[in-house]
Amino acid sequence: MNVEILLLAVMGGMTVLAYMVAINAHGPIRLSLSYLMATVMLAGSVWAIVQYVNTGIDTMKMAEMKKLEYEKQVAEQRMQSQADSLRENKQRMNISTALNTIITTGTASASSMANLDLQDRNSTLEVLMARAAEMKRKADALKVQFDSLKTEDQIFIEPRTLTKDGLQALSEAGYYLKSYYYSEDADQEQQRENLLRAKARTAYDKFQKASTLIAASAK
């Protein structure tokens, strides 16, 4: 029993006692004063009880409001978390699609360079040089496309690094392919061809690893 209830019980007991005194009072003046005091005490007891009840109700209302406010905050945080998760998933999908497009194109170019017939007897030197220049241009264009991707730092870190390295190797392969047709002798020609094939295979391997990691992260 807390202090407030104990005090109310004492006031109630004193009010009852006051009425008992009033009932046993003799004489009009004593009787009037006794009932007046008893009535005042009754009014005070009733007022105190009402205040106590109202305070309890207010406390309950305040507790309920705090509970509702807390539940609202939890719901808002949950909704925000879900929104952030959806936004991150959407961004991951967009980046995944963009990276896979670059990787697919880069893989095809790398494979083509690694297996290219540099001395195609069915084509003229001008045609071969134009083909080499075009393949170099496409490799550089892929690098520009990759650099233009806007990504969060924590999304596809390793695949992006592998793709970047693969594109660098592909661009270098394109350089050696283009310079192959400007070789001064057979030794320089063979050296550039070896570098071309090696860079193309390196690019191909990088792209394959990046593609595998992206596919694994989607599971």
N, C-alpha and C. Protein backbone atom coordinates (compact mmCIF):
# COMPACT_ATOMS: atom_id res chain seq x y z
N MET A 1 0.86 -1.19 0.00
CA MET A 1 0.00 0.00 0.00
C MET A 1 0.90 1.24 0.00
N ASN A 2 0.68 2.12 -0.97
CA ASN A 2 1.54 3.30 -1.03
C ASN A 2 1.02 4.40 -0.12
N VAL A 3 1.79 5.47 -0.02
CA VAL A 3 1.49 6.55 0.92
C VAL A 3 0.17 7.23 0.60
N GLU A 4 -0.13 7.46 -0.70
CA GLU A 4 -1.35 8.16 -1.08
C GLU A 4 -2.59 7.41 -0.60
N ILE A 5 -2.60 6.10 -0.81
CA ILE A 5 -3.76 5.30 -0.39
C ILE A 5 -3.88 5.30 1.13
N LEU A 6 -2.77 5.23 1.83
CA LEU A 6 -2.79 5.24 3.29
C LEU A 6 -3.37 6.55 3.81
N LEU A 7 -2.98 7.68 3.20
CA LEU A 7 -3.51 8.97 3.60
C LEU A 7 -5.00 9.08 3.33
N LEU A 8 -5.44 8.56 2.17
CA LEU A 8 -6.87 8.57 1.85
C LEU A 8 -7.65 7.74 2.86
N ALA A 9 -7.07 6.61 3.25
CA ALA A 9 -7.74 5.75 4.24
C ALA A 9 -7.86 6.48 5.59
N VAL A 10 -6.81 7.19 5.98
CA VAL A 10 -6.84 7.96 7.24
C VAL A 10 -7.90 9.05 7.17
N MET A 11 -7.95 9.77 6.01
CA MET A 11 -8.97 10.82 5.85
C MET A 11 -10.37 10.24 5.89
N GLY A 12 -10.53 9.09 5.27
CA GLY A 12 -11.85 8.44 5.30
C GLY A 12 -12.23 8.04 6.71
N GLY A 13 -11.28 7.51 7.46
CA GLY A 13 -11.55 7.11 8.83
C GLY A 13 -11.89 8.31 9.70
N MET A 14 -11.16 9.42 9.50
CA MET A 14 -11.43 10.63 10.28
C MET A 14 -12.79 11.21 9.93
N THR A 15 -13.19 11.09 8.66
CA THR A 15 -14.51 11.59 8.25
C THR A 15 -15.61 10.78 8.93
N VAL A 16 -15.44 9.46 8.93
CA VAL A 16 -16.43 8.60 9.62
C VAL A 16 -16.48 8.93 11.10
N LEU A 17 -15.32 9.12 11.68
CA LEU A 17 -15.26 9.45 13.10
C LEU A 17 -15.93 10.80 13.38
N ALA A 18 -15.74 11.75 12.45
CA ALA A 18 -16.37 13.07 12.62
C ALA A 18 -17.88 12.94 12.59
N TYR A 19 -18.41 12.12 11.68
CA TYR A 19 -19.87 11.94 11.65
C TYR A 19 -20.37 11.21 12.89
N MET A 20 -19.60 10.29 13.40
CA MET A 20 -20.01 9.60 14.63
C MET A 20 -20.07 10.59 15.79
N VAL A 21 -19.10 11.51 15.83
CA VAL A 21 -19.11 12.55 16.87
C VAL A 21 -20.31 13.46 16.70
N ALA A 22 -20.61 13.79 15.41
CA ALA A 22 -21.75 14.67 15.14
C ALA A 22 -23.06 14.03 15.56
N ILE A 23 -23.15 12.72 15.31
CA ILE A 23 -24.40 12.01 15.66
C ILE A 23 -24.61 12.02 17.19
N ASN A 24 -23.52 11.91 17.91
CA ASN A 24 -23.62 11.84 19.38
C ASN A 24 -23.57 13.22 20.04
N ALA A 25 -23.51 14.27 19.21
CA ALA A 25 -23.44 15.62 19.79
C ALA A 25 -24.78 16.04 20.38
N HIS A 26 -24.74 16.87 21.43
CA HIS A 26 -25.94 17.39 22.08
C HIS A 26 -25.93 18.90 22.02
N GLY A 27 -27.09 19.46 21.81
CA GLY A 27 -27.19 20.92 21.73
C GLY A 27 -27.12 21.37 20.28
N PRO A 28 -27.91 22.36 19.93
CA PRO A 28 -27.97 22.79 18.53
C PRO A 28 -26.65 23.36 18.02
N ILE A 29 -25.94 24.11 18.82
CA ILE A 29 -24.69 24.72 18.35
C ILE A 29 -23.62 23.64 18.14
N ARG A 30 -23.50 22.76 19.16
CA ARG A 30 -22.51 21.69 19.03
C ARG A 30 -22.85 20.76 17.88
N LEU A 31 -24.15 20.49 17.73
CA LEU A 31 -24.58 19.61 16.64
C LEU A 31 -24.27 20.22 15.29
N SER A 32 -24.56 21.51 15.15
CA SER A 32 -24.31 22.21 13.86
C SER A 32 -22.83 22.24 13.54
N LEU A 33 -22.03 22.59 14.54
CA LEU A 33 -20.58 22.65 14.31
C LEU A 33 -20.00 21.27 13.97
N SER A 34 -20.51 20.24 14.66
CA SER A 34 -20.02 18.88 14.41
C SER A 34 -20.32 18.44 12.98
N TYR A 35 -21.58 18.68 12.57
CA TYR A 35 -21.94 18.29 11.19
C TYR A 35 -21.20 19.14 10.15
N LEU A 36 -20.98 20.42 10.46
CA LEU A 36 -20.26 21.28 9.53
C LEU A 36 -18.83 20.77 9.34
N MET A 37 -18.17 20.45 10.46
CA MET A 37 -16.81 19.95 10.37
C MET A 37 -16.76 18.59 9.66
N ALA A 38 -17.76 17.75 9.96
CA ALA A 38 -17.81 16.43 9.32
C ALA A 38 -18.03 16.58 7.81
N THR A 39 -18.90 17.54 7.44
CA THR A 39 -19.17 17.75 6.02
C THR A 39 -17.94 18.29 5.29
N VAL A 40 -17.24 19.22 5.96
CA VAL A 40 -16.00 19.75 5.37
C VAL A 40 -14.99 18.63 5.17
N MET A 41 -14.87 17.77 6.19
CA MET A 41 -13.93 16.66 6.06
C MET A 41 -14.36 15.69 4.97
N LEU A 42 -15.70 15.47 4.84
CA LEU A 42 -16.21 14.61 3.78
C LEU A 42 -15.88 15.20 2.41
N ALA A 43 -16.11 16.53 2.28
CA ALA A 43 -15.81 17.19 1.00
C ALA A 43 -14.32 17.08 0.69
N GLY A 44 -13.50 17.28 1.72
CA GLY A 44 -12.05 17.16 1.51
C GLY A 44 -11.65 15.75 1.12
N SER A 45 -12.25 14.74 1.74
CA SER A 45 -11.95 13.35 1.42
C SER A 45 -12.36 13.01 -0.01
N VAL A 46 -13.59 13.47 -0.37
CA VAL A 46 -14.07 13.21 -1.74
C VAL A 46 -13.15 13.88 -2.76
N TRP A 47 -12.76 15.14 -2.46
CA TRP A 47 -11.88 15.87 -3.40
C TRP A 47 -10.53 15.15 -3.55
N ALA A 48 -9.99 14.69 -2.41
CA ALA A 48 -8.70 13.99 -2.45
C ALA A 48 -8.80 12.69 -3.24
N ILE A 49 -9.93 11.97 -3.03
CA ILE A 49 -10.12 10.72 -3.77
C ILE A 49 -10.24 10.97 -5.26
N VAL A 50 -11.01 12.01 -5.62
CA VAL A 50 -11.16 12.35 -7.04
C VAL A 50 -9.82 12.73 -7.66
N GLN A 51 -9.03 13.53 -6.94
CA GLN A 51 -7.72 13.93 -7.44
C GLN A 51 -6.81 12.71 -7.61
N TYR A 52 -6.88 11.82 -6.66
CA TYR A 52 -6.05 10.61 -6.74
C TYR A 52 -6.44 9.77 -7.95
N VAL A 53 -7.75 9.59 -8.14
CA VAL A 53 -8.23 8.81 -9.28
C VAL A 53 -7.83 9.47 -10.60
N ASN A 54 -8.03 10.80 -10.67
CA ASN A 54 -7.68 11.53 -11.90
C ASN A 54 -6.19 11.45 -12.19
N THR A 55 -5.39 11.53 -11.11
CA THR A 55 -3.93 11.42 -11.29
C THR A 55 -3.56 10.04 -11.83
N GLY A 56 -4.21 9.03 -11.31
CA GLY A 56 -3.97 7.67 -11.81
C GLY A 56 -4.35 7.53 -13.27
N ILE A 57 -5.52 8.15 -13.63
CA ILE A 57 -5.96 8.08 -15.03
C ILE A 57 -4.98 8.82 -15.94
N ASP A 58 -4.55 10.01 -15.47
CA ASP A 58 -3.58 10.78 -16.26
C ASP A 58 -2.27 10.01 -16.44
N THR A 59 -1.86 9.34 -15.37
CA THR A 59 -0.62 8.55 -15.45
C THR A 59 -0.76 7.42 -16.45
N MET A 60 -1.93 6.76 -16.42
CA MET A 60 -2.18 5.69 -17.37
C MET A 60 -2.22 6.20 -18.80
N LYS A 61 -2.88 7.38 -18.96
CA LYS A 61 -2.94 7.96 -20.30
C LYS A 61 -1.55 8.33 -20.80
N MET A 62 -0.74 8.90 -19.90
CA MET A 62 0.62 9.28 -20.28
C MET A 62 1.44 8.05 -20.66
N ALA A 63 1.29 6.99 -19.85
CA ALA A 63 2.01 5.75 -20.15
C ALA A 63 1.56 5.17 -21.49
N GLU A 64 0.24 5.24 -21.75
CA GLU A 64 -0.29 4.73 -23.02
C GLU A 64 0.23 5.56 -24.19
N MET A 65 0.27 6.89 -23.99
CA MET A 65 0.78 7.77 -25.05
C MET A 65 2.25 7.48 -25.34
N LYS A 66 3.04 7.27 -24.27
CA LYS A 66 4.45 6.95 -24.45
C LYS A 66 4.61 5.62 -25.18
N LYS A 67 3.74 4.66 -24.82
CA LYS A 67 3.79 3.36 -25.48
C LYS A 67 3.46 3.48 -26.96
N LEU A 68 2.41 4.25 -27.26
CA LEU A 68 2.02 4.46 -28.66
C LEU A 68 3.11 5.19 -29.44
N GLU A 69 3.73 6.19 -28.78
CA GLU A 69 4.82 6.94 -29.43
C GLU A 69 6.02 6.02 -29.71
N TYR A 70 6.31 5.16 -28.75
CA TYR A 70 7.42 4.22 -28.94
C TYR A 70 7.12 3.25 -30.08
N GLU A 71 5.88 2.72 -30.10
CA GLU A 71 5.49 1.80 -31.16
C GLU A 71 5.53 2.50 -32.52
N LYS A 72 5.15 3.79 -32.53
CA LYS A 72 5.21 4.56 -33.78
C LYS A 72 6.64 4.71 -34.26
N GLN A 73 7.55 5.02 -33.32
CA GLN A 73 8.95 5.17 -33.68
C GLN A 73 9.53 3.86 -34.20
N VAL A 74 9.16 2.76 -33.53
CA VAL A 74 9.64 1.44 -33.97
C VAL A 74 9.14 1.13 -35.37
N ALA A 75 7.84 1.43 -35.62
CA ALA A 75 7.26 1.18 -36.94
C ALA A 75 7.94 2.04 -38.01
N GLU A 76 8.21 3.31 -37.67
CA GLU A 76 8.89 4.20 -38.63
C GLU A 76 10.30 3.72 -38.92
N GLN A 77 11.01 3.27 -37.88
CA GLN A 77 12.36 2.76 -38.08
C GLN A 77 12.34 1.49 -38.94
N ARG A 78 11.32 0.63 -38.70
CA ARG A 78 11.22 -0.59 -39.49
C ARG A 78 10.93 -0.26 -40.95
N MET A 79 10.03 0.71 -41.17
CA MET A 79 9.71 1.11 -42.54
C MET A 79 10.92 1.74 -43.22
N GLN A 80 11.67 2.57 -42.46
CA GLN A 80 12.87 3.19 -43.03
C GLN A 80 13.91 2.14 -43.38
N SER A 81 14.04 1.14 -42.48
CA SER A 81 15.00 0.06 -42.73
C SER A 81 14.62 -0.72 -43.98
N GLN A 82 13.31 -0.99 -44.13
CA GLN A 82 12.84 -1.71 -45.31
C GLN A 82 13.06 -0.89 -46.58
N ALA A 83 12.81 0.43 -46.47
CA ALA A 83 13.02 1.31 -47.62
C ALA A 83 14.50 1.35 -48.01
N ASP A 84 15.37 1.42 -47.00
CA ASP A 84 16.81 1.43 -47.27
C ASP A 84 17.25 0.12 -47.91
N SER A 85 16.67 -0.98 -47.41
CA SER A 85 17.02 -2.29 -47.96
C SER A 85 16.56 -2.41 -49.41
N LEU A 86 15.34 -1.93 -49.69
CA LEU A 86 14.84 -1.97 -51.07
C LEU A 86 15.69 -1.10 -51.98
N ARG A 87 16.06 0.08 -51.48
CA ARG A 87 16.89 0.99 -52.28
C ARG A 87 18.26 0.37 -52.56
N GLU A 88 18.84 -0.27 -51.53
CA GLU A 88 20.14 -0.90 -51.71
C GLU A 88 20.05 -2.06 -52.69
N ASN A 89 18.97 -2.87 -52.56
CA ASN A 89 18.80 -4.00 -53.49
C ASN A 89 18.63 -3.52 -54.92
N LYS A 90 17.86 -2.42 -55.08
CA LYS A 90 17.67 -1.88 -56.42
C LYS A 90 18.98 -1.38 -56.99
N GLN A 91 19.76 -0.70 -56.13
CA GLN A 91 21.06 -0.19 -56.59
C GLN A 91 21.99 -1.35 -56.95
N ARG A 92 21.97 -2.40 -56.13
CA ARG A 92 22.80 -3.58 -56.42
C ARG A 92 22.41 -4.20 -57.75
N MET A 93 21.12 -4.28 -58.01
CA MET A 93 20.65 -4.85 -59.27
C MET A 93 21.09 -4.00 -60.45
N ASN A 94 20.97 -2.67 -60.30
CA ASN A 94 21.37 -1.77 -61.38
C ASN A 94 22.86 -1.88 -61.67
N ILE A 95 23.66 -1.90 -60.57
CA ILE A 95 25.10 -2.02 -60.74
C ILE A 95 25.47 -3.38 -61.31
N SER A 96 24.80 -4.42 -60.82
CA SER A 96 25.05 -5.77 -61.33
C SER A 96 24.78 -5.85 -62.83
N THR A 97 23.66 -5.26 -63.25
CA THR A 97 23.32 -5.28 -64.67
C THR A 97 24.35 -4.53 -65.51
N ALA A 98 24.74 -3.34 -65.01
CA ALA A 98 25.72 -2.53 -65.74
C ALA A 98 27.07 -3.23 -65.82
N LEU A 99 27.51 -3.81 -64.69
CA LEU A 99 28.79 -4.52 -64.68
C LEU A 99 28.77 -5.73 -65.59
N ASN A 100 27.68 -6.49 -65.53
CA ASN A 100 27.58 -7.69 -66.37
C ASN A 100 27.60 -7.34 -67.86
N THR A 101 26.99 -6.21 -68.21
CA THR A 101 27.01 -5.78 -69.60
C THR A 101 28.45 -5.48 -70.05
N ILE A 102 29.17 -4.75 -69.19
CA ILE A 102 30.57 -4.43 -69.51
C ILE A 102 31.42 -5.70 -69.55
N ILE A 103 31.20 -6.57 -68.56
CA ILE A 103 31.99 -7.81 -68.48
C ILE A 103 31.74 -8.71 -69.69
N THR A 104 30.47 -8.83 -70.08
CA THR A 104 30.14 -9.67 -71.24
C THR A 104 30.82 -9.16 -72.50
N THR A 105 30.72 -7.84 -72.72
CA THR A 105 31.37 -7.25 -73.89
C THR A 105 32.88 -7.39 -73.81
N GLY A 106 33.44 -7.14 -72.63
CA GLY A 106 34.88 -7.25 -72.46
C GLY A 106 35.38 -8.68 -72.65
N THR A 107 34.61 -9.65 -72.14
CA THR A 107 34.99 -11.05 -72.30
C THR A 107 35.04 -11.44 -73.77
N ALA A 108 34.04 -11.01 -74.51
CA ALA A 108 34.00 -11.32 -75.94
C ALA A 108 35.20 -10.69 -76.66
N SER A 109 35.52 -9.45 -76.33
CA SER A 109 36.66 -8.76 -76.96
C SER A 109 37.97 -9.44 -76.60
N ALA A 110 38.12 -9.81 -75.33
CA ALA A 110 39.35 -10.47 -74.88
C ALA A 110 39.53 -11.81 -75.57
N SER A 111 38.45 -12.58 -75.65
CA SER A 111 38.51 -13.87 -76.33
C SER A 111 38.86 -13.70 -77.80
N SER A 112 38.28 -12.68 -78.42
CA SER A 112 38.55 -12.43 -79.84
C SER A 112 40.01 -12.05 -80.05
N MET A 113 40.55 -11.19 -79.19
CA MET A 113 41.96 -10.78 -79.33
C MET A 113 42.91 -11.95 -79.08
N ALA A 114 42.57 -12.79 -78.10
CA ALA A 114 43.45 -13.91 -77.76
C ALA A 114 43.53 -14.93 -78.89
N ASN A 115 42.49 -15.01 -79.71
CA ASN A 115 42.44 -16.01 -80.78
C ASN A 115 42.44 -15.38 -82.17
N LEU A 116 42.79 -14.14 -82.25
CA LEU A 116 42.72 -13.40 -83.51
C LEU A 116 43.79 -13.88 -84.49
N ASP A 117 43.39 -14.02 -85.74
CA ASP A 117 44.34 -14.35 -86.82
C ASP A 117 44.95 -13.03 -87.30
N LEU A 118 46.15 -12.75 -86.84
CA LEU A 118 46.77 -11.46 -87.14
C LEU A 118 47.22 -11.35 -88.59
N GLN A 119 47.46 -12.49 -89.22
CA GLN A 119 47.91 -12.47 -90.61
C GLN A 119 46.84 -13.09 -91.52
N ASP A 120 45.64 -12.55 -91.41
CA ASP A 120 44.52 -13.05 -92.22
C ASP A 120 44.81 -12.80 -93.70
N ARG A 121 45.00 -13.88 -94.44
CA ARG A 121 45.37 -13.77 -95.85
C ARG A 121 44.21 -13.29 -96.72
N ASN A 122 43.01 -13.32 -96.16
CA ASN A 122 41.85 -12.90 -96.94
C ASN A 122 41.56 -11.41 -96.80
N SER A 123 42.38 -10.72 -96.01
CA SER A 123 42.16 -9.29 -95.79
C SER A 123 43.44 -8.52 -96.13
N THR A 124 43.24 -7.31 -96.56
CA THR A 124 44.38 -6.45 -96.86
C THR A 124 44.96 -5.88 -95.57
N LEU A 125 46.16 -5.32 -95.65
CA LEU A 125 46.78 -4.72 -94.48
C LEU A 125 45.95 -3.56 -93.96
N GLU A 126 45.37 -2.79 -94.84
CA GLU A 126 44.54 -1.66 -94.42
C GLU A 126 43.33 -2.14 -93.62
N VAL A 127 42.74 -3.24 -94.08
CA VAL A 127 41.58 -3.79 -93.36
C VAL A 127 41.99 -4.30 -91.99
N LEU A 128 43.14 -4.98 -91.91
CA LEU A 128 43.61 -5.51 -90.63
C LEU A 128 43.95 -4.38 -89.65
N MET A 129 44.56 -3.32 -90.17
CA MET A 129 44.90 -2.18 -89.32
C MET A 129 43.64 -1.47 -88.84
N ALA A 130 42.64 -1.36 -89.71
CA ALA A 130 41.38 -0.73 -89.33
C ALA A 130 40.67 -1.57 -88.27
N ARG A 131 40.74 -2.90 -88.42
CA ARG A 131 40.13 -3.78 -87.43
C ARG A 131 40.82 -3.63 -86.07
N ALA A 132 42.13 -3.57 -86.07
CA ALA A 132 42.89 -3.40 -84.83
C ALA A 132 42.54 -2.08 -84.15
N ALA A 133 42.46 -1.01 -84.95
CA ALA A 133 42.14 0.30 -84.38
C ALA A 133 40.73 0.31 -83.79
N GLU A 134 39.81 -0.38 -84.45
CA GLU A 134 38.43 -0.44 -83.95
C GLU A 134 38.35 -1.23 -82.64
N MET A 135 39.09 -2.32 -82.55
CA MET A 135 39.08 -3.11 -81.32
C MET A 135 39.71 -2.33 -80.17
N LYS A 136 40.74 -1.56 -80.47
CA LYS A 136 41.35 -0.71 -79.44
C LYS A 136 40.36 0.37 -79.00
N ARG A 137 39.65 0.95 -79.93
CA ARG A 137 38.67 1.99 -79.61
C ARG A 137 37.56 1.43 -78.72
N LYS A 138 37.09 0.24 -79.04
CA LYS A 138 36.02 -0.36 -78.24
C LYS A 138 36.50 -0.69 -76.83
N ALA A 139 37.75 -1.12 -76.70
CA ALA A 139 38.30 -1.41 -75.37
C ALA A 139 38.37 -0.14 -74.53
N ASP A 140 38.82 0.95 -75.15
CA ASP A 140 38.88 2.22 -74.43
C ASP A 140 37.50 2.74 -74.08
N ALA A 141 36.54 2.51 -74.97
CA ALA A 141 35.16 2.94 -74.71
C ALA A 141 34.58 2.19 -73.51
N LEU A 142 34.93 0.92 -73.37
CA LEU A 142 34.46 0.15 -72.21
C LEU A 142 35.03 0.72 -70.91
N LYS A 143 36.27 1.15 -70.95
CA LYS A 143 36.87 1.77 -69.76
C LYS A 143 36.13 3.04 -69.38
N VAL A 144 35.80 3.84 -70.37
CA VAL A 144 35.05 5.08 -70.11
C VAL A 144 33.68 4.76 -69.53
N GLN A 145 33.04 3.74 -70.09
CA GLN A 145 31.73 3.33 -69.60
C GLN A 145 31.81 2.85 -68.14
N PHE A 146 32.85 2.11 -67.83
CA PHE A 146 33.03 1.63 -66.46
C PHE A 146 33.29 2.79 -65.50
N ASP A 147 34.12 3.72 -65.90
CA ASP A 147 34.46 4.86 -65.04
C ASP A 147 33.24 5.75 -64.76
N SER A 148 32.26 5.69 -65.64
CA SER A 148 31.08 6.54 -65.47
C SER A 148 30.06 5.94 -64.51
N LEU A 149 30.28 4.68 -64.11
CA LEU A 149 29.34 4.04 -63.18
C LEU A 149 29.43 4.70 -61.82
N LYS A 150 28.27 5.06 -61.26
CA LYS A 150 28.20 5.64 -59.93
C LYS A 150 27.79 4.55 -58.96
N THR A 151 28.71 4.17 -58.09
CA THR A 151 28.45 3.06 -57.17
C THR A 151 28.83 3.45 -55.76
N GLU A 152 28.16 2.78 -54.79
CA GLU A 152 28.54 2.92 -53.39
C GLU A 152 29.84 2.14 -53.15
N ASP A 153 30.64 2.62 -52.21
CA ASP A 153 31.95 2.03 -51.97
C ASP A 153 31.89 0.56 -51.55
N GLN A 154 30.79 0.17 -50.87
CA GLN A 154 30.72 -1.17 -50.31
C GLN A 154 30.00 -2.17 -51.21
N ILE A 155 29.65 -1.78 -52.41
CA ILE A 155 28.90 -2.67 -53.30
C ILE A 155 29.82 -3.25 -54.36
N PHE A 156 29.92 -4.59 -54.42
CA PHE A 156 30.71 -5.30 -55.44
C PHE A 156 32.15 -4.78 -55.50
N ILE A 157 32.79 -4.70 -54.35
CA ILE A 157 34.15 -4.16 -54.31
C ILE A 157 35.11 -5.01 -55.15
N GLU A 158 35.14 -6.31 -54.87
CA GLU A 158 36.09 -7.18 -55.57
C GLU A 158 35.75 -7.33 -57.05
N PRO A 159 34.46 -7.57 -57.42
CA PRO A 159 34.15 -7.64 -58.85
C PRO A 159 34.49 -6.36 -59.61
N ARG A 160 34.28 -5.21 -58.98
CA ARG A 160 34.61 -3.95 -59.64
C ARG A 160 36.12 -3.82 -59.84
N THR A 161 36.89 -4.25 -58.84
CA THR A 161 38.34 -4.20 -58.96
C THR A 161 38.82 -5.13 -60.08
N LEU A 162 38.26 -6.33 -60.12
CA LEU A 162 38.63 -7.29 -61.17
C LEU A 162 38.24 -6.76 -62.55
N THR A 163 37.06 -6.15 -62.64
CA THR A 163 36.61 -5.59 -63.91
C THR A 163 37.52 -4.46 -64.36
N LYS A 164 37.88 -3.61 -63.43
CA LYS A 164 38.78 -2.49 -63.75
C LYS A 164 40.12 -3.01 -64.25
N ASP A 165 40.68 -4.01 -63.56
CA ASP A 165 41.95 -4.58 -63.98
C ASP A 165 41.82 -5.27 -65.34
N GLY A 166 40.68 -5.94 -65.54
CA GLY A 166 40.46 -6.60 -66.83
C GLY A 166 40.38 -5.61 -67.97
N LEU A 167 39.72 -4.49 -67.72
CA LEU A 167 39.60 -3.46 -68.76
C LEU A 167 40.96 -2.83 -69.07
N GLN A 168 41.78 -2.68 -68.06
CA GLN A 168 43.13 -2.14 -68.27
C GLN A 168 43.94 -3.10 -69.13
N ALA A 169 43.85 -4.39 -68.81
CA ALA A 169 44.57 -5.40 -69.59
C ALA A 169 44.03 -5.45 -71.02
N LEU A 170 42.72 -5.29 -71.16
CA LEU A 170 42.11 -5.32 -72.50
C LEU A 170 42.57 -4.13 -73.32
N SER A 171 42.66 -2.97 -72.69
CA SER A 171 43.13 -1.78 -73.39
C SER A 171 44.58 -1.94 -73.82
N GLU A 172 45.40 -2.54 -72.97
CA GLU A 172 46.79 -2.78 -73.32
C GLU A 172 46.90 -3.80 -74.45
N ALA A 173 46.02 -4.79 -74.41
CA ALA A 173 45.99 -5.77 -75.50
C ALA A 173 45.64 -5.08 -76.82
N GLY A 174 44.69 -4.16 -76.75
CA GLY A 174 44.34 -3.39 -77.95
C GLY A 174 45.49 -2.56 -78.46
N TYR A 175 46.28 -2.02 -77.52
CA TYR A 175 47.45 -1.23 -77.92
C TYR A 175 48.45 -2.11 -78.67
N TYR A 176 48.74 -3.28 -78.12
CA TYR A 176 49.71 -4.17 -78.78
C TYR A 176 49.16 -4.70 -80.10
N LEU A 177 47.86 -4.89 -80.16
CA LEU A 177 47.25 -5.31 -81.42
C LEU A 177 47.42 -4.25 -82.49
N LYS A 178 47.16 -3.03 -82.12
CA LYS A 178 47.28 -1.92 -83.07
C LYS A 178 48.75 -1.70 -83.48
N SER A 179 49.65 -1.76 -82.49
CA SER A 179 51.06 -1.52 -82.79
C SER A 179 51.71 -2.70 -83.51
N TYR A 180 51.06 -3.87 -83.46
CA TYR A 180 51.60 -5.06 -84.14
C TYR A 180 51.85 -4.78 -85.61
N TYR A 181 50.92 -4.05 -86.22
CA TYR A 181 51.03 -3.81 -87.66
C TYR A 181 52.01 -2.68 -88.00
N TYR A 182 52.64 -2.14 -86.96
CA TYR A 182 53.68 -1.13 -87.19
C TYR A 182 55.05 -1.65 -86.75
N SER A 183 55.15 -2.94 -86.59
CA SER A 183 56.43 -3.54 -86.17
C SER A 183 57.49 -3.33 -87.23
N GLU A 184 58.73 -3.16 -86.76
CA GLU A 184 59.84 -2.89 -87.68
C GLU A 184 60.50 -4.16 -88.18
N ASP A 185 60.35 -5.25 -87.40
CA ASP A 185 60.96 -6.51 -87.85
C ASP A 185 60.16 -7.68 -87.27
N ALA A 186 60.57 -8.88 -87.61
CA ALA A 186 59.86 -10.08 -87.19
C ALA A 186 59.93 -10.28 -85.68
N ASP A 187 61.08 -9.94 -85.07
CA ASP A 187 61.22 -10.12 -83.63
C ASP A 187 60.25 -9.20 -82.86
N GLN A 188 60.19 -7.95 -83.29
CA GLN A 188 59.28 -7.00 -82.64
C GLN A 188 57.83 -7.42 -82.87
N GLU A 189 57.59 -7.95 -84.03
CA GLU A 189 56.24 -8.42 -84.37
C GLU A 189 55.83 -9.56 -83.44
N GLN A 190 56.76 -10.52 -83.24
CA GLN A 190 56.48 -11.66 -82.38
C GLN A 190 56.31 -11.23 -80.93
N GLN A 191 57.16 -10.30 -80.48
CA GLN A 191 57.06 -9.79 -79.11
C GLN A 191 55.71 -9.14 -78.85
N ARG A 192 55.26 -8.32 -79.77
CA ARG A 192 53.97 -7.63 -79.60
C ARG A 192 52.80 -8.61 -79.67
N GLU A 193 52.96 -9.62 -80.50
CA GLU A 193 51.89 -10.63 -80.56
C GLU A 193 51.80 -11.39 -79.24
N ASN A 194 52.95 -11.74 -78.66
CA ASN A 194 52.95 -12.45 -77.38
C ASN A 194 52.33 -11.59 -76.28
N LEU A 195 52.69 -10.31 -76.26
CA LEU A 195 52.12 -9.41 -75.26
C LEU A 195 50.61 -9.25 -75.48
N LEU A 196 50.21 -9.17 -76.74
CA LEU A 196 48.78 -9.06 -77.05
C LEU A 196 48.02 -10.26 -76.52
N ARG A 197 48.50 -11.47 -76.80
CA ARG A 197 47.81 -12.69 -76.36
C ARG A 197 47.78 -12.76 -74.82
N ALA A 198 48.91 -12.43 -74.18
CA ALA A 198 48.99 -12.52 -72.72
C ALA A 198 48.03 -11.54 -72.06
N LYS A 199 48.01 -10.30 -72.54
CA LYS A 199 47.10 -9.29 -71.98
C LYS A 199 45.64 -9.68 -72.21
N ALA A 200 45.35 -10.22 -73.36
CA ALA A 200 43.97 -10.62 -73.68
C ALA A 200 43.53 -11.76 -72.76
N ARG A 201 44.43 -12.73 -72.52
CA ARG A 201 44.08 -13.84 -71.62
C ARG A 201 43.92 -13.36 -70.18
N THR A 202 44.76 -12.40 -69.78
CA THR A 202 44.63 -11.83 -68.44
C THR A 202 43.28 -11.14 -68.28
N ALA A 203 42.92 -10.35 -69.28
CA ALA A 203 41.63 -9.66 -69.25
C ALA A 203 40.49 -10.66 -69.18
N TYR A 204 40.59 -11.71 -69.99
CA TYR A 204 39.54 -12.74 -70.00
C TYR A 204 39.37 -13.38 -68.63
N ASP A 205 40.49 -13.73 -68.00
CA ASP A 205 40.43 -14.36 -66.66
C ASP A 205 39.83 -13.41 -65.62
N LYS A 206 40.22 -12.14 -65.67
CA LYS A 206 39.68 -11.16 -64.74
C LYS A 206 38.16 -11.04 -64.90
N PHE A 207 37.71 -10.96 -66.12
CA PHE A 207 36.27 -10.82 -66.38
C PHE A 207 35.51 -12.06 -65.90
N GLN A 208 36.08 -13.23 -66.10
CA GLN A 208 35.43 -14.47 -65.69
C GLN A 208 35.29 -14.52 -64.16
N LYS A 209 36.34 -14.12 -63.44
CA LYS A 209 36.28 -14.13 -61.98
C LYS A 209 35.25 -13.11 -61.47
N ALA A 210 35.24 -11.93 -62.09
CA ALA A 210 34.29 -10.90 -61.68
C ALA A 210 32.85 -11.38 -61.91
N SER A 211 32.61 -12.01 -63.04
CA SER A 211 31.27 -12.51 -63.35
C SER A 211 30.83 -13.59 -62.36
N THR A 212 31.76 -14.46 -61.98
CA THR A 212 31.44 -15.52 -61.02
C THR A 212 31.08 -14.95 -59.65
N LEU A 213 31.82 -13.93 -59.22
CA LEU A 213 31.55 -13.31 -57.92
C LEU A 213 30.20 -12.61 -57.91
N ILE A 214 29.87 -11.93 -59.00
CA ILE A 214 28.58 -11.24 -59.07
C ILE A 214 27.43 -12.24 -59.04
N ALA A 215 27.60 -13.33 -59.78
CA ALA A 215 26.56 -14.37 -59.80
C ALA A 215 26.39 -15.01 -58.43
N ALA A 216 27.51 -15.21 -57.71
CA ALA A 216 27.44 -15.82 -56.38
C ALA A 216 26.76 -14.90 -55.39
N SER A 217 26.97 -13.59 -55.51
CA SER A 217 26.37 -12.63 -54.57
C SER A 217 24.86 -12.50 -54.77
N ALA A 218 24.37 -12.90 -55.92
CA ALA A 218 22.94 -12.80 -56.23
C ALA A 218 22.15 -13.97 -55.64
N LYS A 219 22.84 -14.99 -55.17
CA LYS A 219 22.15 -16.18 -54.64
C LYS A 219 21.73 -15.95 -53.20
